[in-house]
C-alpha atoms as a PDB file:
ATOM      1  CA  MET A   1       6.736  18.779   6.587  1.00  0.00           C
ATOM      2  CA  ARG A   2      12.502  17.203   1.080  1.00  0.00           C
ATOM      3  CA  PRO A   3      19.752  18.335  -1.657  1.00  0.00           C
ATOM      4  CA  LEU A   4      22.437  21.255  -5.182  1.00  0.00           C
ATOM      5  CA  GLY A   5      23.256  23.395  -7.985  1.00  0.00           C
ATOM      6  CA  LEU A   6      21.714  23.160 -11.374  1.00  0.00           C
ATOM      7  CA  ALA A   7      21.279  25.020 -14.713  1.00  0.00           C
ATOM      8  CA  PHE A   8      17.638  25.981 -14.884  1.00  0.00           C
ATOM      9  CA  VAL A   9      15.134  27.812 -17.002  1.00  0.00           C
ATOM     10  CA  LEU A  10      16.124  31.353 -15.870  1.00  0.00           C
ATOM     11  CA  THR A  11      13.358  33.632 -17.115  1.00  0.00           C
ATOM     12  CA  LEU A  12      10.726  33.025 -14.477  1.00  0.00           C
ATOM     13  CA  ILE A  13      13.490  32.996 -11.712  1.00  0.00           C
ATOM     14  CA  ALA A  14      14.653  36.415 -12.886  1.00  0.00           C
ATOM     15  CA  ASN A  15      11.242  37.756 -12.677  1.00  0.00           C
ATOM     16  CA  LEU A  16      11.064  36.423  -9.015  1.00  0.00           C
ATOM     17  CA  ALA A  17      14.487  38.072  -8.272  1.00  0.00           C
ATOM     18  CA  SER A  18      13.459  41.417  -9.705  1.00  0.00           C
ATOM     19  CA  ALA A  19      10.410  41.505  -7.237  1.00  0.00           C
ATOM     20  CA  GLN A  20      12.503  40.791  -4.027  1.00  0.00           C
ATOM     21  CA  GLU A  21      14.032  43.024  -1.608  1.00  0.00           C
ATOM     22  CA  THR A  22      17.929  43.014  -2.110  1.00  0.00           C
ATOM     23  CA  PRO A  23      19.054  41.387   1.204  1.00  0.00           C
ATOM     24  CA  ALA A  24      21.938  41.855   3.307  1.00  0.00           C
ATOM     25  CA  ALA A  25      24.938  39.950   2.093  1.00  0.00           C
ATOM     26  CA  THR A  26      24.638  37.719   5.310  1.00  0.00           C
ATOM     27  CA  ALA A  27      20.777  37.363   5.229  1.00  0.00           C
ATOM     28  CA  THR A  28      19.384  33.972   4.690  1.00  0.00           C
ATOM     29  CA  ARG A  29      17.153  33.752   1.381  1.00  0.00           C
ATOM     30  CA  LEU A  30      15.353  31.495  -0.856  1.00  0.00           C
ATOM     31  CA  ASP A  31      16.721  30.581  -4.219  1.00  0.00           C
ATOM     32  CA  PHE A  32      13.770  29.193  -6.123  1.00  0.00           C
ATOM     33  CA  ARG A  33      14.734  26.704  -9.019  1.00  0.00           C
ATOM     34  CA  GLU A  34      13.268  24.459 -11.486  1.00  0.00           C
ATOM     35  CA  THR A  35      14.178  22.012 -13.948  1.00  0.00           C
ATOM     36  CA  PRO A  36      12.196  19.397 -16.375  1.00  0.00           C
ATOM     37  CA  VAL A  37      13.947  16.360 -15.125  1.00  0.00           C
ATOM     38  CA  VAL A  38      13.291  17.017 -11.505  1.00  0.00           C
ATOM     39  CA  ASP A  39       9.510  17.757 -12.276  1.00  0.00           C
ATOM     40  CA  LEU A  40       9.543  14.432 -14.277  1.00  0.00           C
ATOM     41  CA  PHE A  41      11.096  12.591 -11.297  1.00  0.00           C
ATOM     42  CA  PHE A  42       8.391  13.800  -8.835  1.00  0.00           C
ATOM     43  CA  LEU A  43       5.701  13.222 -11.258  1.00  0.00           C
ATOM     44  CA  SER A  44       6.748   9.685 -11.723  1.00  0.00           C
ATOM     45  CA  ARG A  45       6.768   9.138  -7.929  1.00  0.00           C
ATOM     46  CA  ALA A  46       3.541  10.784  -7.481  1.00  0.00           C
ATOM     47  CA  LEU A  47       1.707   8.658 -10.150  1.00  0.00           C
ATOM     48  CA  GLY A  48       3.410   5.463  -8.812  1.00  0.00           C
ATOM     49  CA  ALA A  49       2.099   6.362  -5.366  1.00  0.00           C
ATOM     50  CA  ASP A  50      -1.538   6.664  -6.582  1.00  0.00           C
ATOM     51  CA  ALA A  51      -3.025   3.318  -7.627  1.00  0.00           C
ATOM     52  CA  SER A  52      -6.006   5.306  -9.271  1.00  0.00           C
ATOM     53  CA  ALA A  53      -4.013   7.599 -11.412  1.00  0.00           C
ATOM     54  CA  GLU A  54      -4.290   7.626 -15.248  1.00  0.00           C
ATOM     55  CA  VAL A  55      -0.610   7.046 -16.370  1.00  0.00           C
ATOM     56  CA  PRO A  56       0.432   8.330 -19.805  1.00  0.00           C
ATOM     57  CA  PRO A  57       1.813   5.368 -21.692  1.00  0.00           C
ATOM     58  CA  ALA A  58       5.154   7.113 -22.270  1.00  0.00           C
ATOM     59  CA  LEU A  59       5.566   7.419 -18.558  1.00  0.00           C
ATOM     60  CA  ALA A  60       4.467   3.879 -17.548  1.00  0.00           C
ATOM     61  CA  ALA A  61       8.010   2.345 -17.184  1.00  0.00           C
ATOM     62  CA  ALA A  62       9.262   5.330 -15.200  1.00  0.00           C
ATOM     63  CA  VAL A  63       6.049   5.145 -12.907  1.00  0.00           C
ATOM     64  CA  LYS A  64       6.539   1.436 -12.449  1.00  0.00           C
ATOM     65  CA  ALA A  65      10.268   1.998 -11.770  1.00  0.00           C
ATOM     66  CA  ALA A  66       9.518   4.666  -8.994  1.00  0.00           C
ATOM     67  CA  HIS A  67       6.866   2.395  -7.492  1.00  0.00           C
ATOM     68  CA  GLU A  68       9.084  -0.420  -7.273  1.00  0.00           C
ATOM     69  CA  LEU A  69      12.016   1.762  -5.672  1.00  0.00           C
ATOM     70  CA  ASN A  70       9.542   3.141  -3.270  1.00  0.00           C
ATOM     71  CA  GLY A  71       8.512  -0.303  -2.242  1.00  0.00           C
ATOM     72  CA  ALA A  72      12.075  -1.464  -1.717  1.00  0.00           C
ATOM     73  CA  LEU A  73      12.639   1.755   0.365  1.00  0.00           C
ATOM     74  CA  GLY A  74       9.877   0.753   2.589  1.00  0.00           C
ATOM     75  CA  GLY A  75       7.276   3.124   1.285  1.00  0.00           C
ATOM     76  CA  ALA A  76       8.788   5.951   3.479  1.00  0.00           C
ATOM     77  CA  PHE A  77       9.175   9.240   1.613  1.00  0.00           C
ATOM     78  CA  LEU A  78      12.204  10.249   3.886  1.00  0.00           C
ATOM     79  CA  ALA A  79      14.076   7.052   2.691  1.00  0.00           C
ATOM     80  CA  TRP A  80      14.137   8.602  -0.716  1.00  0.00           C
ATOM     81  CA  GLY A  81      16.902  11.004   0.526  1.00  0.00           C
ATOM     82  CA  PRO A  82      20.058   9.157  -0.704  1.00  0.00           C
ATOM     83  CA  VAL A  83      18.510   8.981  -4.385  1.00  0.00           C
ATOM     84  CA  ALA A  84      16.707  12.481  -4.607  1.00  0.00           C
ATOM     85  CA  GLY A  85      19.721  14.281  -2.886  1.00  0.00           C
ATOM     86  CA  LEU A  86      21.713  13.482  -6.116  1.00  0.00           C
ATOM     87  CA  LEU A  87      19.212  15.410  -8.548  1.00  0.00           C
ATOM     88  CA  PRO A  88      20.668  18.805  -8.144  1.00  0.00           C
ATOM     89  CA  GLY A  89      23.181  19.215 -10.896  1.00  0.00           C
ATOM     90  CA  CYS A  90      21.101  17.170 -13.260  1.00  0.00           C
ATOM     91  CA  ASP A  91      19.820  19.192 -16.390  1.00  0.00           C
ATOM     92  CA  LYS A  92      18.391  16.108 -18.145  1.00  0.00           C
ATOM     93  CA  ALA A  93      17.703  12.519 -17.503  1.00  0.00           C
ATOM     94  CA  ALA A  94      21.058  11.397 -18.767  1.00  0.00           C
ATOM     95  CA  ASP A  95      22.587  13.448 -15.944  1.00  0.00           C
ATOM     96  CA  VAL A  96      20.379  11.505 -13.482  1.00  0.00           C
ATOM     97  CA  THR A  97      21.840   8.172 -14.816  1.00  0.00           C
ATOM     98  CA  ARG A  98      25.341   9.597 -14.189  1.00  0.00           C
ATOM     99  CA  ALA A  99      24.536  10.634 -10.876  1.00  0.00           C
ATOM    100  CA  PHE A 100      22.774   7.752  -9.665  1.00  0.00           C
ATOM    101  CA  ALA A 101      25.764   5.529 -10.863  1.00  0.00           C
ATOM    102  CA  GLU A 102      27.717   7.093  -8.042  1.00  0.00           C
ATOM    103  CA  LEU A 103      25.176   5.434  -5.362  1.00  0.00           C
ATOM    104  CA  PRO A 104      26.319   2.660  -3.170  1.00  0.00           C
ATOM    105  CA  GLU A 105      25.608  -0.711  -4.483  1.00  0.00           C
ATOM    106  CA  THR A 106      23.575  -1.630  -1.349  1.00  0.00           C
ATOM    107  CA  PHE A 107      21.751   0.374   1.118  1.00  0.00           C
ATOM    108  CA  GLU A 108      20.356  -0.619   4.527  1.00  0.00           C
ATOM    109  CA  VAL A 109      16.913   0.493   4.939  1.00  0.00           C
ATOM    110  CA  ARG A 110      16.623  -0.753   8.386  1.00  0.00           C
ATOM    111  CA  PRO A 111      18.804  -2.907  10.587  1.00  0.00           C
ATOM    112  CA  GLY A 112      19.038  -6.254   8.911  1.00  0.00           C
ATOM    113  CA  THR A 113      17.220  -5.127   5.879  1.00  0.00           C
ATOM    114  CA  SER A 114      19.074  -3.900   2.893  1.00  0.00           C
ATOM    115  CA  LEU A 115      18.215  -3.334  -0.988  1.00  0.00           C
ATOM    116  CA  LYS A 116      20.419  -3.082  -4.183  1.00  0.00           C
ATOM    117  CA  LEU A 117      19.929   0.714  -4.443  1.00  0.00           C
ATOM    118  CA  ARG A 118      22.240   1.380  -7.301  1.00  0.00           C
ATOM    119  CA  GLU A 119      20.470  -1.244  -9.523  1.00  0.00           C
ATOM    120  CA  HIS A 120      16.993  -0.002  -8.695  1.00  0.00           C
ATOM    121  CA  ALA A 121      17.850   3.679  -8.880  1.00  0.00           C
ATOM    122  CA  LEU A 122      19.597   3.133 -12.327  1.00  0.00           C
ATOM    123  CA  ALA A 123      16.419   1.238 -13.515  1.00  0.00           C
ATOM    124  CA  LEU A 124      14.466   4.416 -12.765  1.00  0.00           C
ATOM    125  CA  ALA A 125      17.023   6.646 -14.439  1.00  0.00           C
ATOM    126  CA  ALA A 126      16.882   4.534 -17.594  1.00  0.00           C
ATOM    127  CA  ALA A 127      13.051   4.783 -17.591  1.00  0.00           C
ATOM    128  CA  LEU A 128      13.295   8.630 -17.054  1.00  0.00           C
ATOM    129  CA  GLU A 129      15.633   8.832 -20.055  1.00  0.00           C
ATOM    130  CA  ALA A 130      13.017   6.813 -22.101  1.00  0.00           C
ATOM    131  CA  ALA A 131      10.129   9.001 -21.061  1.00  0.00           C
ATOM    132  CA  GLU A 132      11.916  12.269 -21.449  1.00  0.00           C
ATOM    133  CA  PRO A 133      11.212  13.263 -25.016  1.00  0.00           C
ATOM    134  CA  THR A 134       7.412  12.752 -24.746  1.00  0.00           C
ATOM    135  CA  PHE A 135       7.477  14.613 -21.346  1.00  0.00           C
ATOM    136  CA  LEU A 136       9.318  17.565 -22.754  1.00  0.00           C
ATOM    137  CA  ALA A 137       7.003  17.776 -25.697  1.00  0.00           C
ATOM    138  CA  GLU A 138       3.609  17.140 -24.217  1.00  0.00           C
ATOM    139  CA  ILE A 139       3.728  17.677 -20.450  1.00  0.00           C
ATOM    140  CA  TRP A 140       6.460  20.081 -19.590  1.00  0.00           C
ATOM    141  CA  PRO A 141       5.062  23.133 -21.382  1.00  0.00           C
ATOM    142  CA  ARG A 142       1.907  22.776 -19.220  1.00  0.00           C
ATOM    143  CA  HIS A 143       3.844  22.170 -16.078  1.00  0.00           C
ATOM    144  CA  ARG A 144       6.199  25.173 -16.765  1.00  0.00           C
ATOM    145  CA  GLU A 145       3.105  27.499 -17.081  1.00  0.00           C
ATOM    146  CA  GLU A 146       1.969  26.113 -13.744  1.00  0.00           C
ATOM    147  CA  ILE A 147       5.287  26.513 -11.985  1.00  0.00           C
ATOM    148  CA  GLY A 148       5.480  30.145 -13.727  1.00  0.00           C
ATOM    149  CA  ALA A 149       1.994  31.013 -11.946  1.00  0.00           C
ATOM    150  CA  ALA A 150       3.394  29.692  -8.651  1.00  0.00           C
ATOM    151  CA  HIS A 151       6.552  31.849  -9.029  1.00  0.00           C
ATOM    152  CA  ALA A 152       4.208  34.884  -9.726  1.00  0.00           C
ATOM    153  CA  ARG A 153       2.366  34.353  -6.509  1.00  0.00           C
ATOM    154  CA  LEU A 154       5.497  34.110  -4.620  1.00  0.00           C
ATOM    155  CA  ALA A 155       6.848  37.357  -6.279  1.00  0.00           C
ATOM    156  CA  GLU A 156       3.834  39.349  -5.584  1.00  0.00           C
ATOM    157  CA  GLY A 157       2.922  37.946  -2.088  1.00  0.00           C
ATOM    158  CA  PHE A 158       5.996  36.639  -0.330  1.00  0.00           C
ATOM    159  CA  ALA A 159       9.173  38.143  -1.878  1.00  0.00           C
ATOM    160  CA  PRO A 160       8.578  41.691  -0.958  1.00  0.00           C
ATOM    161  CA  LYS A 161       8.286  40.552   2.792  1.00  0.00           C
ATOM    162  CA  GLU A 162      10.814  37.697   2.624  1.00  0.00           C
ATOM    163  CA  ALA A 163      13.715  39.500   4.572  1.00  0.00           C
ATOM    164  CA  ALA A 164      11.269  40.607   7.370  1.00  0.00           C
ATOM    165  CA  CYS A 165       9.781  37.044   7.554  1.00  0.00           C
ATOM    166  CA  PHE A 166      13.049  35.389   7.876  1.00  0.00           C
ATOM    167  CA  ALA A 167      14.248  37.951  10.510  1.00  0.00           C
ATOM    168  CA  PHE A 168      11.174  37.260  12.577  1.00  0.00           C
ATOM    169  CA  HIS A 169      11.225  33.508  12.058  1.00  0.00           C
ATOM    170  CA  LEU A 170      14.892  33.099  12.881  1.00  0.00           C
ATOM    171  CA  GLU A 171      14.516  35.224  16.105  1.00  0.00           C
ATOM    172  CA  LYS A 172      11.462  33.183  17.302  1.00  0.00           C
ATOM    173  CA  LEU A 173      13.348  29.843  16.739  1.00  0.00           C
ATOM    174  CA  GLY A 174      16.668  31.069  18.483  1.00  0.00           C
ATOM    175  CA  MET A 175      18.589  30.707  15.333  1.00  0.00           C
ATOM    176  CA  LYS A 176      21.378  32.986  14.416  1.00  0.00           C
ATOM    177  CA  ASP A 177      21.139  33.880  10.774  1.00  0.00           C
ATOM    178  CA  PRO A 178      23.641  31.503   8.880  1.00  0.00           C
ATOM    179  CA  GLY A 179      23.422  33.598   5.777  1.00  0.00           C
ATOM    180  CA  LEU A 180      22.168  30.786   3.624  1.00  0.00           C
ATOM    181  CA  SER A 181      20.846  30.678   0.047  1.00  0.00           C
ATOM    182  CA  ILE A 182      18.277  28.018   0.344  1.00  0.00           C
ATOM    183  CA  PRO A 183      17.583  26.096  -2.905  1.00  0.00           C
ATOM    184  CA  VAL A 184      13.874  25.473  -3.335  1.00  0.00           C
ATOM    185  CA  TYR A 185      12.937  23.198  -6.280  1.00  0.00           C
ATOM    186  CA  LEU A 186       9.402  23.856  -7.474  1.00  0.00           C
ATOM    187  CA  THR A 187       7.396  21.050  -9.001  1.00  0.00           C
ATOM    188  CA  VAL A 188       3.890  20.477 -10.216  1.00  0.00           C
ATOM    189  CA  HIS A 189       3.337  17.272  -8.437  1.00  0.00           C
ATOM    190  CA  ALA A 190       4.939  15.220  -5.636  1.00  0.00           C
ATOM    191  CA  PRO A 191       3.895  12.162  -3.450  1.00  0.00           C
ATOM    192  CA  PHE A 192       2.738  12.765   0.054  1.00  0.00           C
ATOM    193  CA  PRO A 193       3.500  15.008   1.902  1.00  0.00           C
ATOM    194  CA  GLY A 194       3.803  17.320  -1.225  1.00  0.00           C
ATOM    195  CA  ALA A 195       7.053  19.098   0.149  1.00  0.00           C
ATOM    196  CA  VAL A 196      10.151  17.594   1.524  1.00  0.00           C
ATOM    197  CA  THR A 197      13.711  18.630   2.369  1.00  0.00           C
ATOM    198  CA  TYR A 198      16.749  16.248   1.666  1.00  0.00           C
ATOM    199  CA  ARG A 199      20.342  16.474   2.371  1.00  0.00           C
ATOM    200  CA  GLY A 200      22.350  16.993  -0.668  1.00  0.00           C
ATOM    201  CA  VAL A 201      25.999  17.115  -1.364  1.00  0.00           C
ATOM    202  CA  GLY A 202      27.946  18.319   1.663  1.00  0.00           C
ATOM    203  CA  GLY A 203      24.975  17.650   3.877  1.00  0.00           C
ATOM    204  CA  ARG A 204      23.309  20.805   2.718  1.00  0.00           C
ATOM    205  CA  GLY A 205      19.481  21.055   2.934  1.00  0.00           C
ATOM    206  CA  VAL A 206      17.631  21.415  -0.104  1.00  0.00           C
ATOM    207  CA  CYS A 207      13.814  21.769  -0.541  1.00  0.00           C
ATOM    208  CA  PHE A 208      11.478  20.290  -3.087  1.00  0.00           C
ATOM    209  CA  VAL A 209       7.788  21.765  -3.227  1.00  0.00           C
ATOM    210  CA  SER A 210       4.848  20.730  -5.119  1.00  0.00           C
ATOM    211  CA  VAL A 211       2.926  23.819  -6.231  1.00  0.00           C
ATOM    212  CA  SER A 212      -0.283  22.048  -6.813  1.00  0.00           C
ATOM    213  CA  ASP A 213      -0.650  20.997  -3.104  1.00  0.00           C
ATOM    214  CA  ALA A 214      -0.770  24.525  -1.469  1.00  0.00           C
ATOM    215  CA  GLU A 215      -3.016  27.297  -2.412  1.00  0.00           C
ATOM    216  CA  GLY A 216      -2.730  31.056  -1.463  1.00  0.00           C
ATOM    217  CA  SER A 217      -0.768  31.787   1.484  1.00  0.00           C
ATOM    218  CA  GLN A 218      -0.441  28.152   2.236  1.00  0.00           C
ATOM    219  CA  LEU A 219       2.327  27.899  -0.441  1.00  0.00           C
ATOM    220  CA  PHE A 220       4.259  30.630   1.411  1.00  0.00           C
ATOM    221  CA  GLU A 221       4.057  28.811   4.592  1.00  0.00           C
ATOM    222  CA  THR A 222       4.932  25.344   2.994  1.00  0.00           C
ATOM    223  CA  VAL A 223       8.127  26.964   1.511  1.00  0.00           C
ATOM    224  CA  LEU A 224       9.029  28.639   4.885  1.00  0.00           C
ATOM    225  CA  HIS A 225       8.502  25.181   6.582  1.00  0.00           C
ATOM    226  CA  GLU A 226      10.828  23.520   4.371  1.00  0.00           C
ATOM    227  CA  ALA A 227      13.448  26.260   4.451  1.00  0.00           C
ATOM    228  CA  THR A 228      13.170  25.855   8.216  1.00  0.00           C
ATOM    229  CA  HIS A 229      14.430  22.019   7.686  1.00  0.00           C
ATOM    230  CA  ALA A 230      17.328  23.270   5.823  1.00  0.00           C
ATOM    231  CA  LEU A 231      18.099  25.730   8.591  1.00  0.00           C
ATOM    232  CA  ASP A 232      17.828  23.042  11.190  1.00  0.00           C
ATOM    233  CA  VAL A 233      20.292  20.897   9.105  1.00  0.00           C
ATOM    234  CA  ALA A 234      22.631  23.989   8.904  1.00  0.00           C
ATOM    235  CA  LEU A 235      22.385  24.946  12.687  1.00  0.00           C
ATOM    236  CA  PRO A 236      22.974  21.756  14.734  1.00  0.00           C
ATOM    237  CA  GLY A 237      23.017  22.536  18.504  1.00  0.00           C
ATOM    238  CA  ALA A 238      21.903  26.222  18.030  1.00  0.00           C
ATOM    239  CA  SER A 239      18.236  26.735  18.029  1.00  0.00           C
ATOM    240  CA  VAL A 240      14.883  26.136  19.802  1.00  0.00           C
ATOM    241  CA  LEU A 241      14.459  22.811  18.118  1.00  0.00           C
ATOM    242  CA  GLU A 242      17.843  21.587  19.371  1.00  0.00           C
ATOM    243  CA  ASP A 243      16.953  22.780  22.808  1.00  0.00           C
ATOM    244  CA  LEU A 244      13.814  20.858  22.618  1.00  0.00           C
ATOM    245  CA  ARG A 245      15.500  17.709  21.555  1.00  0.00           C
ATOM    246  CA  ALA A 246      18.056  18.119  24.320  1.00  0.00           C
ATOM    247  CA  ARG A 247      15.145  18.264  26.718  1.00  0.00           C
ATOM    248  CA  LEU A 248      13.633  15.189  25.374  1.00  0.00           C
ATOM    249  CA  GLU A 249      16.889  13.371  25.529  1.00  0.00           C
ATOM    250  CA  LYS A 250      17.038  14.186  29.418  1.00  0.00           C
ATOM    251  CA  VAL A 251      13.692  12.472  29.851  1.00  0.00           C
ATOM    252  CA  GLY A 252      14.862   9.273  28.157  1.00  0.00           C
ATOM    253  CA  LEU A 253      13.533  10.014  24.640  1.00  0.00           C
ATOM    254  CA  GLY A 254      15.744   9.758  21.506  1.00  0.00           C
ATOM    255  CA  PRO A 255      15.725   9.614  17.803  1.00  0.00           C
ATOM    256  CA  ARG A 256      14.008   6.185  17.705  1.00  0.00           C
ATOM    257  CA  ASP A 257      10.916   7.509  19.584  1.00  0.00           C
ATOM    258  CA  ALA A 258       8.291   9.015  17.427  1.00  0.00           C
ATOM    259  CA  VAL A 259       7.632  12.132  19.630  1.00  0.00           C
ATOM    260  CA  TYR A 260      11.379  12.919  19.448  1.00  0.00           C
ATOM    261  CA  ARG A 261      10.734  13.432  15.781  1.00  0.00           C
ATOM    262  CA  ASP A 262       7.094  14.687  15.914  1.00  0.00           C
ATOM    263  CA  LEU A 263       7.324  17.445  18.780  1.00  0.00           C
ATOM    264  CA  PRO A 264      10.026  19.548  17.066  1.00  0.00           C
ATOM    265  CA  HIS A 265       8.365  19.029  13.748  1.00  0.00           C
ATOM    266  CA  THR A 266       5.129  20.278  15.035  1.00  0.00           C
ATOM    267  CA  LEU A 267       6.747  23.185  16.486  1.00  0.00           C
ATOM    268  CA  MET A 268       8.129  23.860  12.984  1.00  0.00           C
ATOM    269  CA  PHE A 269       4.390  23.907  11.556  1.00  0.00           C
ATOM    270  CA  VAL A 270       3.267  26.295  14.396  1.00  0.00           C
ATOM    271  CA  GLN A 271       6.002  28.723  14.053  1.00  0.00           C
ATOM    272  CA  ALA A 272       6.048  28.802  10.154  1.00  0.00           C
ATOM    273  CA  ALA A 273       2.261  29.699  10.386  1.00  0.00           C
ATOM    274  CA  GLU A 274       2.775  32.394  12.914  1.00  0.00           C
ATOM    275  CA  SER A 275       5.726  33.979  11.030  1.00  0.00           C
ATOM    276  CA  ILE A 276       3.707  34.060   7.733  1.00  0.00           C
ATOM    277  CA  ARG A 277       0.613  35.608   9.639  1.00  0.00           C
ATOM    278  CA  SER A 278       2.945  38.127  11.424  1.00  0.00           C
ATOM    279  CA  THR A 279       4.932  39.327   8.571  1.00  0.00           C
ATOM    280  CA  VAL A 280       3.317  38.339   5.196  1.00  0.00           C
ATOM    281  CA  GLU A 281      -0.636  37.651   5.521  1.00  0.00           C
ATOM    282  CA  PRO A 282      -2.405  38.600   8.562  1.00  0.00           C
ATOM    283  CA  LYS A 283      -5.500  36.384   7.628  1.00  0.00           C
ATOM    284  CA  HIS A 284      -3.281  33.308   6.905  1.00  0.00           C
ATOM    285  CA  GLU A 285      -4.743  30.107   8.180  1.00  0.00           C
ATOM    286  CA  ASP A 286      -2.303  27.491   9.524  1.00  0.00           C
ATOM    287  CA  TYR A 287      -1.386  24.725   6.866  1.00  0.00           C
ATOM    288  CA  GLY A 288      -1.663  22.340   9.880  1.00  0.00           C
ATOM    289  CA  VAL A 289      -5.414  23.331  10.097  1.00  0.00           C
ATOM    290  CA  VAL A 290      -6.059  23.115   6.251  1.00  0.00           C
ATOM    291  CA  SER A 291      -4.159  19.950   5.824  1.00  0.00           C
ATOM    292  CA  ARG A 292      -5.604  18.430   9.112  1.00  0.00           C
ATOM    293  CA  TYR A 293      -2.020  17.753  10.211  1.00  0.00           C
ATOM    294  CA  TYR A 294      -3.016  19.181  13.707  1.00  0.00           C
ATOM    295  CA  GLU A 295      -6.030  16.987  13.729  1.00  0.00           C
ATOM    296  CA  ARG A 296      -3.847  13.998  13.044  1.00  0.00           C
ATOM    297  CA  ALA A 297      -1.384  14.862  15.598  1.00  0.00           C
ATOM    298  CA  GLY A 298      -3.943  15.172  18.238  1.00  0.00           C
ATOM    299  CA  PRO A 299      -3.203  16.213  21.744  1.00  0.00           C
ATOM    300  CA  LEU A 300       0.398  16.955  20.939  1.00  0.00           C
ATOM    301  CA  ALA A 301      -0.466  19.626  18.336  1.00  0.00           C
ATOM    302  CA  ASP A 302      -2.984  21.142  20.703  1.00  0.00           C
ATOM    303  CA  ALA A 303      -0.104  21.376  23.349  1.00  0.00           C
ATOM    304  CA  VAL A 304       2.374  22.956  20.927  1.00  0.00           C
ATOM    305  CA  ARG A 305      -0.144  25.554  19.533  1.00  0.00           C
ATOM    306  CA  GLY A 306      -1.194  26.569  22.852  1.00  0.00           C
ATOM    307  CA  LEU A 307       1.978  26.714  24.872  1.00  0.00           C
ATOM    308  CA  TRP A 308       4.039  28.214  21.916  1.00  0.00           C
ATOM    309  CA  ARG A 309       1.430  30.859  21.359  1.00  0.00           C
ATOM    310  CA  ASP A 310       1.492  31.748  25.082  1.00  0.00           C
ATOM    311  CA  HIS A 311       5.311  32.246  24.515  1.00  0.00           C
ATOM    312  CA  LEU A 312       5.049  34.346  21.517  1.00  0.00           C
ATOM    313  CA  GLU A 313       2.465  36.566  23.308  1.00  0.00           C
ATOM    314  CA  GLY A 314       4.547  36.945  26.379  1.00  0.00           C
ATOM    315  CA  ARG A 315       2.595  34.911  28.849  1.00  0.00           C
ATOM    316  CA  LEU A 316       5.421  32.279  29.094  1.00  0.00           C
ATOM    317  CA  THR A 317       9.040  32.344  28.715  1.00  0.00           C
ATOM    318  CA  ARG A 318      10.826  30.418  26.198  1.00  0.00           C
ATOM    319  CA  ASP A 319      12.068  27.902  28.772  1.00  0.00           C
ATOM    320  CA  GLU A 320       8.643  27.582  30.391  1.00  0.00           C
ATOM    321  CA  ALA A 321       7.019  26.826  26.946  1.00  0.00           C
ATOM    322  CA  LEU A 322       9.607  24.079  26.146  1.00  0.00           C
ATOM    323  CA  ASP A 323       9.430  22.639  29.613  1.00  0.00           C
ATOM    324  CA  GLY A 324       5.584  22.392  29.079  1.00  0.00           C
ATOM    325  CA  LEU A 325       6.038  20.691  25.916  1.00  0.00           C
ATOM    326  CA  VAL A 326       8.171  17.983  27.161  1.00  0.00           C
ATOM    327  CA  GLU A 327       5.816  17.492  29.995  1.00  0.00           C
ATOM    328  CA  ALA A 328       2.983  17.127  27.422  1.00  0.00           C
ATOM    329  CA  ALA A 329       4.878  14.674  25.513  1.00  0.00           C
ATOM    330  CA  VAL A 330       5.754  12.475  28.280  1.00  0.00           C
ATOM    331  CA  ALA A 331       2.467  12.666  30.181  1.00  0.00           C
ATOM    332  CA  PRO A 332       0.660   9.307  30.530  1.00  0.00           C
ATOM    333  CA  LYS A 333      -1.108   8.320  27.494  1.00  0.00           C
END
């Protein structure tokens, strides 16, 4: 299924930390964070992506600027990486302006097409500064409560089993625990797909998750899925995901091919769901089912779900399952 340090509202985070197991010094763990300006940034983007949304007058300029920048980036949510990757370290909108001033003047969206990235981003930052006082007074108190409720759900349902979940998840994905503290920023709203991991300073993956886009244990899976992207970034060449990509390359598929991206990503969905079901909530239903991602992915998702379950249940070796996935991916359409 979107990165790095910040000063945050600490009370809710402390409540979450007190409920967690104390992990081993080298164990990967989640570092939940929140800040009003990040919530405002993603709210502006979400409203800008919804033509039917009722936009508060104070946020109109920010929503317009977010919509325009999204259009300039080609409408692809991953293309926001160079911009959103600078949000960590920003406590308020003025910090965003300073961060965005460091962006390159131009950015190549795709070969032969570039945009004035710094100019667009600074226009958005200026609009966020203008909207910030009203947002803090009228919107943030309510959003802080919603994020707090999500923290409570995570503290009660996920945190006590977090260490066991990561141990299982890493083992099944063939990953050696890198001992990461993975930043996860919780917001109330976000544009499609509702959660994303971007590369931040130093290339480190940082996750952004909308708490209004996942109910019950779906929130747990969403967080774990995004954490998997951060782990994938941190462990190049050393995982099932990288093994799968290498096998795809051997049959002539590369980063420009959709299946090269979609097949490992679908495997992330399937394994994240299995990890939550096995270690956190036995009755968990796949987010891929609830969100209809599997339905949209079609036969590819069916192949991943079947073959990977056969592997997890001991009917196929890992190599046999991965070979089967590649065969399914290159089968005649």
